[in-house]
Amino acid sequence: MPDLDDGASIEMQGSGSKPYKLTNVGGIYRCSYPAYSTLGA
């Protein structure tokens, strides 16, 4: 997966019906996946 520019976001299909949104905020990646913060990413 390519790096995202600051403020950019992409949607990725997960196992559920709704895609997850991955966003680069000041060099920190945030994801709408509920357990993302516990994955050690």
PDB file of N, CA and C in Angstrom:
ATOM      1  N   MET A   1       0.851  -1.177   0.000  1.00  0.00           N
ATOM      2  CA  MET A   1       0.000   0.000   0.000  1.00  0.00           C
ATOM      3  C   MET A   1       0.895   1.239   0.000  1.00  0.00           C
ATOM      4  N   PRO A   2       0.611   2.213  -0.858  1.00  0.00           N
ATOM      5  CA  PRO A   2       1.416   3.433  -0.892  1.00  0.00           C
ATOM      6  C   PRO A   2       1.145   4.314   0.322  1.00  0.00           C
ATOM      7  N   ASP A   3       2.137   5.166   0.630  1.00  0.00           N
ATOM      8  CA  ASP A   3       1.940   6.137   1.709  1.00  0.00           C
ATOM      9  C   ASP A   3       0.884   7.142   1.289  1.00  0.00           C
ATOM     10  N   LEU A   4       0.140   7.640   2.256  1.00  0.00           N
ATOM     11  CA  LEU A   4      -0.866   8.671   1.993  1.00  0.00           C
ATOM     12  C   LEU A   4      -0.288  10.045   2.310  1.00  0.00           C
ATOM     13  N   ASP A   5      -0.631  11.034   1.506  1.00  0.00           N
ATOM     14  CA  ASP A   5      -0.249  12.409   1.810  1.00  0.00           C
ATOM     15  C   ASP A   5      -0.997  12.862   3.051  1.00  0.00           C
ATOM     16  N   ASP A   6      -0.443  13.858   3.741  1.00  0.00           N
ATOM     17  CA  ASP A   6      -1.089  14.391   4.934  1.00  0.00           C
ATOM     18  C   ASP A   6      -2.495  14.871   4.594  1.00  0.00           C
ATOM     19  N   GLY A   7      -3.472  14.400   5.324  1.00  0.00           N
ATOM     20  CA  GLY A   7      -4.865  14.768   5.107  1.00  0.00           C
ATOM     21  C   GLY A   7      -5.597  13.870   4.126  1.00  0.00           C
ATOM     22  N   ALA A   8      -4.871  12.976   3.452  1.00  0.00           N
ATOM     23  CA  ALA A   8      -5.497  12.083   2.473  1.00  0.00           C
ATOM     24  C   ALA A   8      -6.117  10.881   3.175  1.00  0.00           C
ATOM     25  N   SER A   9      -7.109  10.285   2.532  1.00  0.00           N
ATOM     26  CA  SER A   9      -7.733   9.094   3.083  1.00  0.00           C
ATOM     27  C   SER A   9      -8.144   8.160   1.953  1.00  0.00           C
ATOM     28  N   ILE A  10      -8.243   6.881   2.286  1.00  0.00           N
ATOM     29  CA  ILE A  10      -8.707   5.875   1.340  1.00  0.00           C
ATOM     30  C   ILE A  10      -9.690   4.969   2.061  1.00  0.00           C
ATOM     31  N   GLU A  11     -10.527   4.290   1.299  1.00  0.00           N
ATOM     32  CA  GLU A  11     -11.434   3.304   1.871  1.00  0.00           C
ATOM     33  C   GLU A  11     -10.946   1.926   1.483  1.00  0.00           C
ATOM     34  N   MET A  12     -10.998   1.000   2.438  1.00  0.00           N
ATOM     35  CA  MET A  12     -10.572  -0.370   2.208  1.00  0.00           C
ATOM     36  C   MET A  12     -11.704  -1.301   2.604  1.00  0.00           C
ATOM     37  N   GLN A  13     -11.937  -2.309   1.792  1.00  0.00           N
ATOM     38  CA  GLN A  13     -13.001  -3.252   2.105  1.00  0.00           C
ATOM     39  C   GLN A  13     -12.548  -4.192   3.213  1.00  0.00           C
ATOM     40  N   GLY A  14     -13.358  -4.300   4.231  1.00  0.00           N
ATOM     41  CA  GLY A  14     -13.076  -5.222   5.325  1.00  0.00           C
ATOM     42  C   GLY A  14     -13.948  -6.462   5.193  1.00  0.00           C
ATOM     43  N   SER A  15     -14.082  -7.197   6.258  1.00  0.00           N
ATOM     44  CA  SER A  15     -14.882  -8.415   6.219  1.00  0.00           C
ATOM     45  C   SER A  15     -16.381  -8.129   6.348  1.00  0.00           C
ATOM     46  N   GLY A  16     -16.727  -6.937   6.816  1.00  0.00           N
ATOM     47  CA  GLY A  16     -18.131  -6.571   6.967  1.00  0.00           C
ATOM     48  C   GLY A  16     -18.682  -5.918   5.713  1.00  0.00           C
ATOM     49  N   SER A  17     -19.891  -5.399   5.822  1.00  0.00           N
ATOM     50  CA  SER A  17     -20.541  -4.797   4.662  1.00  0.00           C
ATOM     51  C   SER A  17     -20.048  -3.380   4.370  1.00  0.00           C
ATOM     52  N   LYS A  18     -19.546  -2.683   5.386  1.00  0.00           N
ATOM     53  CA  LYS A  18     -19.071  -1.312   5.182  1.00  0.00           C
ATOM     54  C   LYS A  18     -17.555  -1.286   5.057  1.00  0.00           C
ATOM     55  N   PRO A  19     -17.029  -0.441   4.143  1.00  0.00           N
ATOM     56  CA  PRO A  19     -15.566  -0.321   4.038  1.00  0.00           C
ATOM     57  C   PRO A  19     -15.009   0.481   5.216  1.00  0.00           C
ATOM     58  N   TYR A  20     -13.726   0.284   5.487  1.00  0.00           N
ATOM     59  CA  TYR A  20     -13.046   1.040   6.530  1.00  0.00           C
ATOM     60  C   TYR A  20     -12.329   2.217   5.895  1.00  0.00           C
ATOM     61  N   LYS A  21     -12.249   3.321   6.615  1.00  0.00           N
ATOM     62  CA  LYS A  21     -11.588   4.514   6.109  1.00  0.00           C
ATOM     63  C   LYS A  21     -10.260   4.682   6.828  1.00  0.00           C
ATOM     64  N   LEU A  22      -9.165   4.776   6.051  1.00  0.00           N
ATOM     65  CA  LEU A  22      -7.823   4.979   6.579  1.00  0.00           C
ATOM     66  C   LEU A  22      -7.397   6.396   6.217  1.00  0.00           C
ATOM     67  N   THR A  23      -6.988   7.180   7.221  1.00  0.00           N
ATOM     68  CA  THR A  23      -6.655   8.586   7.026  1.00  0.00           C
ATOM     69  C   THR A  23      -5.287   8.894   7.627  1.00  0.00           C
ATOM     70  N   ASN A  24      -4.489   9.711   6.919  1.00  0.00           N
ATOM     71  CA  ASN A  24      -3.214  10.188   7.428  1.00  0.00           C
ATOM     72  C   ASN A  24      -3.444  11.578   8.000  1.00  0.00           C
ATOM     73  N   VAL A  25      -3.238  11.716   9.304  1.00  0.00           N
ATOM     74  CA  VAL A  25      -3.423  13.011   9.969  1.00  0.00           C
ATOM     75  C   VAL A  25      -2.091  13.408  10.596  1.00  0.00           C
ATOM     76  N   GLY A  26      -1.363  14.275   9.916  1.00  0.00           N
ATOM     77  CA  GLY A  26      -0.079  14.735  10.437  1.00  0.00           C
ATOM     78  C   GLY A  26       0.941  13.614  10.592  1.00  0.00           C
ATOM     79  N   GLY A  27       0.905  12.622   9.715  1.00  0.00           N
ATOM     80  CA  GLY A  27       1.848  11.512   9.786  1.00  0.00           C
ATOM     81  C   GLY A  27       1.382  10.364  10.657  1.00  0.00           C
ATOM     82  N   ILE A  28       0.220  10.518  11.275  1.00  0.00           N
ATOM     83  CA  ILE A  28      -0.357   9.463  12.113  1.00  0.00           C
ATOM     84  C   ILE A  28      -1.552   8.876  11.373  1.00  0.00           C
ATOM     85  N   TYR A  29      -1.534   7.574  11.195  1.00  0.00           N
ATOM     86  CA  TYR A  29      -2.624   6.915  10.482  1.00  0.00           C
ATOM     87  C   TYR A  29      -3.748   6.566  11.433  1.00  0.00           C
ATOM     88  N   ARG A  30      -4.962   6.896  11.008  1.00  0.00           N
ATOM     89  CA  ARG A  30      -6.164   6.581  11.783  1.00  0.00           C
ATOM     90  C   ARG A  30      -7.070   5.722  10.916  1.00  0.00           C
ATOM     91  N   CYS A  31      -7.737   4.786  11.539  1.00  0.00           N
ATOM     92  CA  CYS A  31      -8.615   3.886  10.806  1.00  0.00           C
ATOM     93  C   CYS A  31      -9.935   3.782  11.538  1.00  0.00           C
ATOM     94  N   SER A  32     -11.019   3.659  10.755  1.00  0.00           N
ATOM     95  CA  SER A  32     -12.334   3.540  11.361  1.00  0.00           C
ATOM     96  C   SER A  32     -12.613   2.129  11.873  1.00  0.00           C
ATOM     97  N   TYR A  33     -11.696   1.171  11.617  1.00  0.00           N
ATOM     98  CA  TYR A  33     -11.851  -0.191  12.130  1.00  0.00           C
ATOM     99  C   TYR A  33     -11.779  -0.133  13.648  1.00  0.00           C
ATOM    100  N   PRO A  34     -12.778  -0.658  14.366  1.00  0.00           N
ATOM    101  CA  PRO A  34     -12.841  -0.497  15.822  1.00  0.00           C
ATOM    102  C   PRO A  34     -11.617  -1.015  16.585  1.00  0.00           C
ATOM    103  N   ALA A  35     -11.002  -2.102  16.151  1.00  0.00           N
ATOM    104  CA  ALA A  35      -9.878  -2.673  16.886  1.00  0.00           C
ATOM    105  C   ALA A  35      -8.518  -2.239  16.347  1.00  0.00           C
ATOM    106  N   TYR A  36      -8.481  -1.288  15.417  1.00  0.00           N
ATOM    107  CA  TYR A  36      -7.220  -0.882  14.784  1.00  0.00           C
ATOM    108  C   TYR A  36      -6.176  -0.440  15.798  1.00  0.00           C
ATOM    109  N   SER A  37      -6.584   0.294  16.817  1.00  0.00           N
ATOM    110  CA  SER A  37      -5.633   0.813  17.796  1.00  0.00           C
ATOM    111  C   SER A  37      -5.015  -0.292  18.637  1.00  0.00           C
ATOM    112  N   THR A  38      -5.613  -1.470  18.697  1.00  0.00           N
ATOM    113  CA  THR A  38      -5.070  -2.564  19.494  1.00  0.00           C
ATOM    114  C   THR A  38      -4.239  -3.533  18.665  1.00  0.00           C
ATOM    115  N   LEU A  39      -4.096  -3.279  17.358  1.00  0.00           N
ATOM    116  CA  LEU A  39      -3.361  -4.192  16.489  1.00  0.00           C
ATOM    117  C   LEU A  39      -1.864  -3.932  16.488  1.00  0.00           C
ATOM    118  N   GLY A  40      -1.423  -2.857  17.122  1.00  0.00           N
ATOM    119  CA  GLY A  40      -0.015  -2.526  17.156  1.00  0.00           C
ATOM    120  C   GLY A  40       0.495  -1.965  15.846  1.00  0.00           C
ATOM    121  N   ALA A  41      -0.371  -1.356  15.079  1.00  0.00           N
ATOM    122  CA  ALA A  41       0.013  -0.814  13.769  1.00  0.00           C
ATOM    123  C   ALA A  41       0.699   0.523  13.918  1.00  0.00           C
TER     124      ALA A  41
END
